[in-house]
Amino acid sequence: MANSAQSRKRARQAVQQRIQNVSMRSALRTAIKKVRKTIESGDKAAAQLAFRESQCIIDSIADKGIVHKNKAARDKHRLSVAIKAL
């Protein structure tokens, strides 16, 4: 365990930050799964709507550094290609 007050505080903050990051990463995965589910259903209009909603979530999580910007771009591109293929 940390000895100084500063290092104890940083350890507490790290725990809280990790919980927040895990929650946001889960929200990212849920948004991607939601789009994939609508793509599998075959409804192009619903898939486009879900994609537009998830785009905002994906971008905000990438801006915060939870996932790399290239991973966010790759996920969005793959979803976009799958929607266009419908």
N, C-alpha and C. Protein backbone atom coordinates (compact mmCIF):
# COMPACT_ATOMS: atom_id res chain seq x y z
N MET A 1 0.84 -1.18 0.00
CA MET A 1 0.00 0.00 0.00
C MET A 1 0.89 1.24 0.00
N ALA A 2 0.34 2.32 -0.50
CA ALA A 2 1.08 3.58 -0.61
C ALA A 2 1.34 4.16 0.79
N ASN A 3 2.45 4.87 0.91
CA ASN A 3 2.84 5.41 2.21
C ASN A 3 2.46 6.87 2.39
N SER A 4 2.73 7.70 1.41
CA SER A 4 2.45 9.13 1.57
C SER A 4 0.98 9.42 1.28
N ALA A 5 0.52 10.55 1.75
CA ALA A 5 -0.87 10.95 1.55
C ALA A 5 -1.17 11.12 0.07
N GLN A 6 -0.20 11.68 -0.65
CA GLN A 6 -0.40 11.90 -2.09
C GLN A 6 -0.56 10.58 -2.84
N SER A 7 0.28 9.60 -2.51
CA SER A 7 0.19 8.32 -3.20
C SER A 7 -1.06 7.54 -2.81
N ARG A 8 -1.52 7.71 -1.56
CA ARG A 8 -2.79 7.08 -1.16
C ARG A 8 -3.95 7.67 -1.94
N LYS A 9 -3.93 8.99 -2.10
CA LYS A 9 -4.99 9.66 -2.86
C LYS A 9 -4.97 9.21 -4.31
N ARG A 10 -3.77 9.12 -4.91
CA ARG A 10 -3.66 8.68 -6.30
C ARG A 10 -4.17 7.25 -6.46
N ALA A 11 -3.93 6.41 -5.47
CA ALA A 11 -4.42 5.03 -5.52
C ALA A 11 -5.94 5.01 -5.48
N ARG A 12 -6.53 5.85 -4.62
CA ARG A 12 -8.00 5.94 -4.57
C ARG A 12 -8.56 6.44 -5.89
N GLN A 13 -7.92 7.46 -6.45
CA GLN A 13 -8.39 8.02 -7.71
C GLN A 13 -8.27 7.00 -8.84
N ALA A 14 -7.22 6.20 -8.81
CA ALA A 14 -7.02 5.20 -9.86
C ALA A 14 -8.14 4.17 -9.84
N VAL A 15 -8.57 3.79 -8.65
CA VAL A 15 -9.68 2.83 -8.53
C VAL A 15 -10.95 3.42 -9.14
N GLN A 16 -11.25 4.65 -8.78
CA GLN A 16 -12.46 5.29 -9.30
C GLN A 16 -12.40 5.46 -10.81
N GLN A 17 -11.23 5.85 -11.32
CA GLN A 17 -11.06 6.05 -12.76
C GLN A 17 -11.23 4.73 -13.51
N ARG A 18 -10.70 3.65 -12.92
CA ARG A 18 -10.81 2.34 -13.55
C ARG A 18 -12.29 1.93 -13.66
N ILE A 19 -13.05 2.16 -12.60
CA ILE A 19 -14.48 1.83 -12.62
C ILE A 19 -15.18 2.61 -13.72
N GLN A 20 -14.86 3.89 -13.83
CA GLN A 20 -15.48 4.72 -14.86
C GLN A 20 -15.08 4.25 -16.26
N ASN A 21 -13.80 3.91 -16.45
CA ASN A 21 -13.34 3.45 -17.76
C ASN A 21 -14.00 2.13 -18.16
N VAL A 22 -14.14 1.22 -17.20
CA VAL A 22 -14.78 -0.07 -17.48
C VAL A 22 -16.23 0.17 -17.91
N SER A 23 -16.90 1.07 -17.23
CA SER A 23 -18.29 1.37 -17.55
C SER A 23 -18.41 1.95 -18.96
N MET A 24 -17.51 2.86 -19.32
CA MET A 24 -17.57 3.48 -20.65
C MET A 24 -17.23 2.47 -21.74
N ARG A 25 -16.25 1.60 -21.47
CA ARG A 25 -15.89 0.58 -22.45
C ARG A 25 -17.06 -0.38 -22.68
N SER A 26 -17.80 -0.66 -21.61
CA SER A 26 -18.99 -1.51 -21.72
C SER A 26 -20.06 -0.81 -22.55
N ALA A 27 -20.23 0.48 -22.36
CA ALA A 27 -21.21 1.25 -23.15
C ALA A 27 -20.83 1.24 -24.62
N LEU A 28 -19.53 1.31 -24.90
CA LEU A 28 -19.05 1.24 -26.28
C LEU A 28 -19.42 -0.09 -26.92
N ARG A 29 -19.14 -1.17 -26.21
CA ARG A 29 -19.44 -2.51 -26.75
C ARG A 29 -20.94 -2.69 -26.95
N THR A 30 -21.73 -2.16 -26.02
CA THR A 30 -23.19 -2.26 -26.13
C THR A 30 -23.69 -1.50 -27.36
N ALA A 31 -23.14 -0.32 -27.61
CA ALA A 31 -23.56 0.48 -28.77
C ALA A 31 -23.23 -0.26 -30.07
N ILE A 32 -22.05 -0.88 -30.13
CA ILE A 32 -21.66 -1.61 -31.33
C ILE A 32 -22.55 -2.83 -31.53
N LYS A 33 -22.83 -3.54 -30.44
CA LYS A 33 -23.70 -4.73 -30.52
C LYS A 33 -25.11 -4.36 -30.97
N LYS A 34 -25.59 -3.20 -30.52
CA LYS A 34 -26.93 -2.75 -30.90
C LYS A 34 -27.02 -2.55 -32.42
N VAL A 35 -25.99 -1.94 -32.99
CA VAL A 35 -25.97 -1.72 -34.44
C VAL A 35 -25.88 -3.05 -35.17
N ARG A 36 -25.01 -3.94 -34.69
CA ARG A 36 -24.86 -5.25 -35.35
C ARG A 36 -26.17 -6.04 -35.32
N LYS A 37 -26.90 -5.92 -34.21
CA LYS A 37 -28.18 -6.63 -34.09
C LYS A 37 -29.19 -6.10 -35.11
N THR A 38 -29.23 -4.78 -35.29
CA THR A 38 -30.18 -4.23 -36.27
C THR A 38 -29.75 -4.57 -37.70
N ILE A 39 -28.44 -4.70 -37.92
CA ILE A 39 -27.96 -5.11 -39.25
C ILE A 39 -28.40 -6.53 -39.53
N GLU A 40 -28.28 -7.41 -38.54
CA GLU A 40 -28.69 -8.80 -38.71
C GLU A 40 -30.18 -8.94 -38.95
N SER A 41 -30.96 -8.02 -38.40
CA SER A 41 -32.41 -8.08 -38.61
C SER A 41 -32.78 -7.74 -40.05
N GLY A 42 -31.88 -7.04 -40.76
CA GLY A 42 -32.11 -6.74 -42.17
C GLY A 42 -32.79 -5.42 -42.45
N ASP A 43 -33.11 -4.65 -41.42
CA ASP A 43 -33.78 -3.36 -41.60
C ASP A 43 -32.73 -2.27 -41.77
N LYS A 44 -32.56 -1.79 -43.01
CA LYS A 44 -31.50 -0.82 -43.30
C LYS A 44 -31.76 0.52 -42.63
N ALA A 45 -33.01 0.97 -42.61
CA ALA A 45 -33.32 2.27 -42.01
C ALA A 45 -33.05 2.25 -40.51
N ALA A 46 -33.46 1.17 -39.84
CA ALA A 46 -33.21 1.06 -38.40
C ALA A 46 -31.72 0.96 -38.12
N ALA A 47 -31.00 0.26 -38.99
CA ALA A 47 -29.55 0.11 -38.81
C ALA A 47 -28.86 1.46 -38.96
N GLN A 48 -29.29 2.27 -39.93
CA GLN A 48 -28.69 3.59 -40.11
C GLN A 48 -28.97 4.48 -38.91
N LEU A 49 -30.17 4.40 -38.37
CA LEU A 49 -30.53 5.20 -37.20
C LEU A 49 -29.69 4.77 -35.99
N ALA A 50 -29.58 3.48 -35.77
CA ALA A 50 -28.77 2.98 -34.65
C ALA A 50 -27.30 3.35 -34.84
N PHE A 51 -26.83 3.33 -36.07
CA PHE A 51 -25.44 3.68 -36.36
C PHE A 51 -25.18 5.15 -36.04
N ARG A 52 -26.10 6.03 -36.42
CA ARG A 52 -25.94 7.46 -36.13
C ARG A 52 -25.89 7.71 -34.62
N GLU A 53 -26.72 6.99 -33.87
CA GLU A 53 -26.72 7.15 -32.41
C GLU A 53 -25.42 6.63 -31.80
N SER A 54 -24.94 5.50 -32.31
CA SER A 54 -23.75 4.90 -31.72
C SER A 54 -22.48 5.65 -32.12
N GLN A 55 -22.52 6.34 -33.25
CA GLN A 55 -21.36 7.11 -33.71
C GLN A 55 -20.94 8.14 -32.67
N CYS A 56 -21.90 8.81 -32.10
CA CYS A 56 -21.63 9.84 -31.09
C CYS A 56 -20.98 9.21 -29.86
N ILE A 57 -21.49 8.06 -29.44
CA ILE A 57 -20.94 7.36 -28.28
C ILE A 57 -19.51 6.92 -28.54
N ILE A 58 -19.29 6.33 -29.71
CA ILE A 58 -17.96 5.83 -30.07
C ILE A 58 -16.96 6.97 -30.10
N ASP A 59 -17.33 8.09 -30.71
CA ASP A 59 -16.42 9.23 -30.81
C ASP A 59 -16.09 9.83 -29.44
N SER A 60 -17.09 9.95 -28.58
CA SER A 60 -16.84 10.56 -27.28
C SER A 60 -15.94 9.68 -26.43
N ILE A 61 -16.09 8.38 -26.52
CA ILE A 61 -15.24 7.48 -25.75
C ILE A 61 -13.81 7.49 -26.30
N ALA A 62 -13.67 7.61 -27.61
CA ALA A 62 -12.33 7.71 -28.20
C ALA A 62 -11.67 9.03 -27.82
N ASP A 63 -12.45 10.12 -27.77
CA ASP A 63 -11.89 11.42 -27.39
C ASP A 63 -11.36 11.41 -25.96
N LYS A 64 -12.00 10.63 -25.09
CA LYS A 64 -11.57 10.55 -23.70
C LYS A 64 -10.38 9.62 -23.52
N GLY A 65 -10.00 8.90 -24.57
CA GLY A 65 -8.83 8.04 -24.49
C GLY A 65 -9.12 6.67 -23.92
N ILE A 66 -10.38 6.30 -23.80
CA ILE A 66 -10.72 4.98 -23.28
C ILE A 66 -10.32 3.91 -24.29
N VAL A 67 -10.58 4.18 -25.56
CA VAL A 67 -10.08 3.33 -26.65
C VAL A 67 -9.32 4.23 -27.61
N HIS A 68 -8.47 3.62 -28.40
CA HIS A 68 -7.67 4.39 -29.35
C HIS A 68 -8.56 4.93 -30.47
N LYS A 69 -8.20 6.10 -30.98
CA LYS A 69 -9.00 6.73 -32.05
C LYS A 69 -9.05 5.85 -33.29
N ASN A 70 -7.97 5.13 -33.58
CA ASN A 70 -7.97 4.25 -34.75
C ASN A 70 -8.92 3.07 -34.57
N LYS A 71 -9.04 2.56 -33.35
CA LYS A 71 -10.00 1.47 -33.10
C LYS A 71 -11.42 1.98 -33.28
N ALA A 72 -11.69 3.18 -32.81
CA ALA A 72 -13.02 3.76 -32.97
C ALA A 72 -13.33 3.95 -34.45
N ALA A 73 -12.36 4.45 -35.21
CA ALA A 73 -12.56 4.65 -36.64
C ALA A 73 -12.77 3.32 -37.35
N ARG A 74 -12.00 2.31 -36.95
CA ARG A 74 -12.13 0.99 -37.56
C ARG A 74 -13.50 0.38 -37.30
N ASP A 75 -13.98 0.51 -36.05
CA ASP A 75 -15.31 -0.01 -35.70
C ASP A 75 -16.40 0.69 -36.50
N LYS A 76 -16.30 2.02 -36.59
CA LYS A 76 -17.31 2.77 -37.34
C LYS A 76 -17.29 2.40 -38.82
N HIS A 77 -16.10 2.23 -39.36
CA HIS A 77 -16.00 1.87 -40.78
C HIS A 77 -16.61 0.50 -41.04
N ARG A 78 -16.31 -0.46 -40.21
CA ARG A 78 -16.84 -1.81 -40.40
C ARG A 78 -18.36 -1.83 -40.29
N LEU A 79 -18.91 -1.06 -39.34
CA LEU A 79 -20.36 -0.98 -39.23
C LEU A 79 -20.96 -0.31 -40.46
N SER A 80 -20.31 0.73 -40.93
CA SER A 80 -20.78 1.46 -42.12
C SER A 80 -20.79 0.55 -43.35
N VAL A 81 -19.73 -0.22 -43.53
CA VAL A 81 -19.65 -1.14 -44.66
C VAL A 81 -20.75 -2.20 -44.57
N ALA A 82 -21.00 -2.70 -43.36
CA ALA A 82 -22.04 -3.71 -43.19
C ALA A 82 -23.43 -3.15 -43.50
N ILE A 83 -23.65 -1.89 -43.15
CA ILE A 83 -24.95 -1.26 -43.44
C ILE A 83 -25.10 -1.06 -44.94
N LYS A 84 -24.03 -0.61 -45.60
CA LYS A 84 -24.10 -0.40 -47.04
C LYS A 84 -24.33 -1.70 -47.79
N ALA A 85 -23.88 -2.82 -47.23
CA ALA A 85 -24.04 -4.11 -47.89
C ALA A 85 -25.48 -4.64 -47.79
N LEU A 86 -26.30 -4.03 -46.93
CA LEU A 86 -27.71 -4.49 -46.81
C LEU A 86 -28.49 -4.27 -48.09
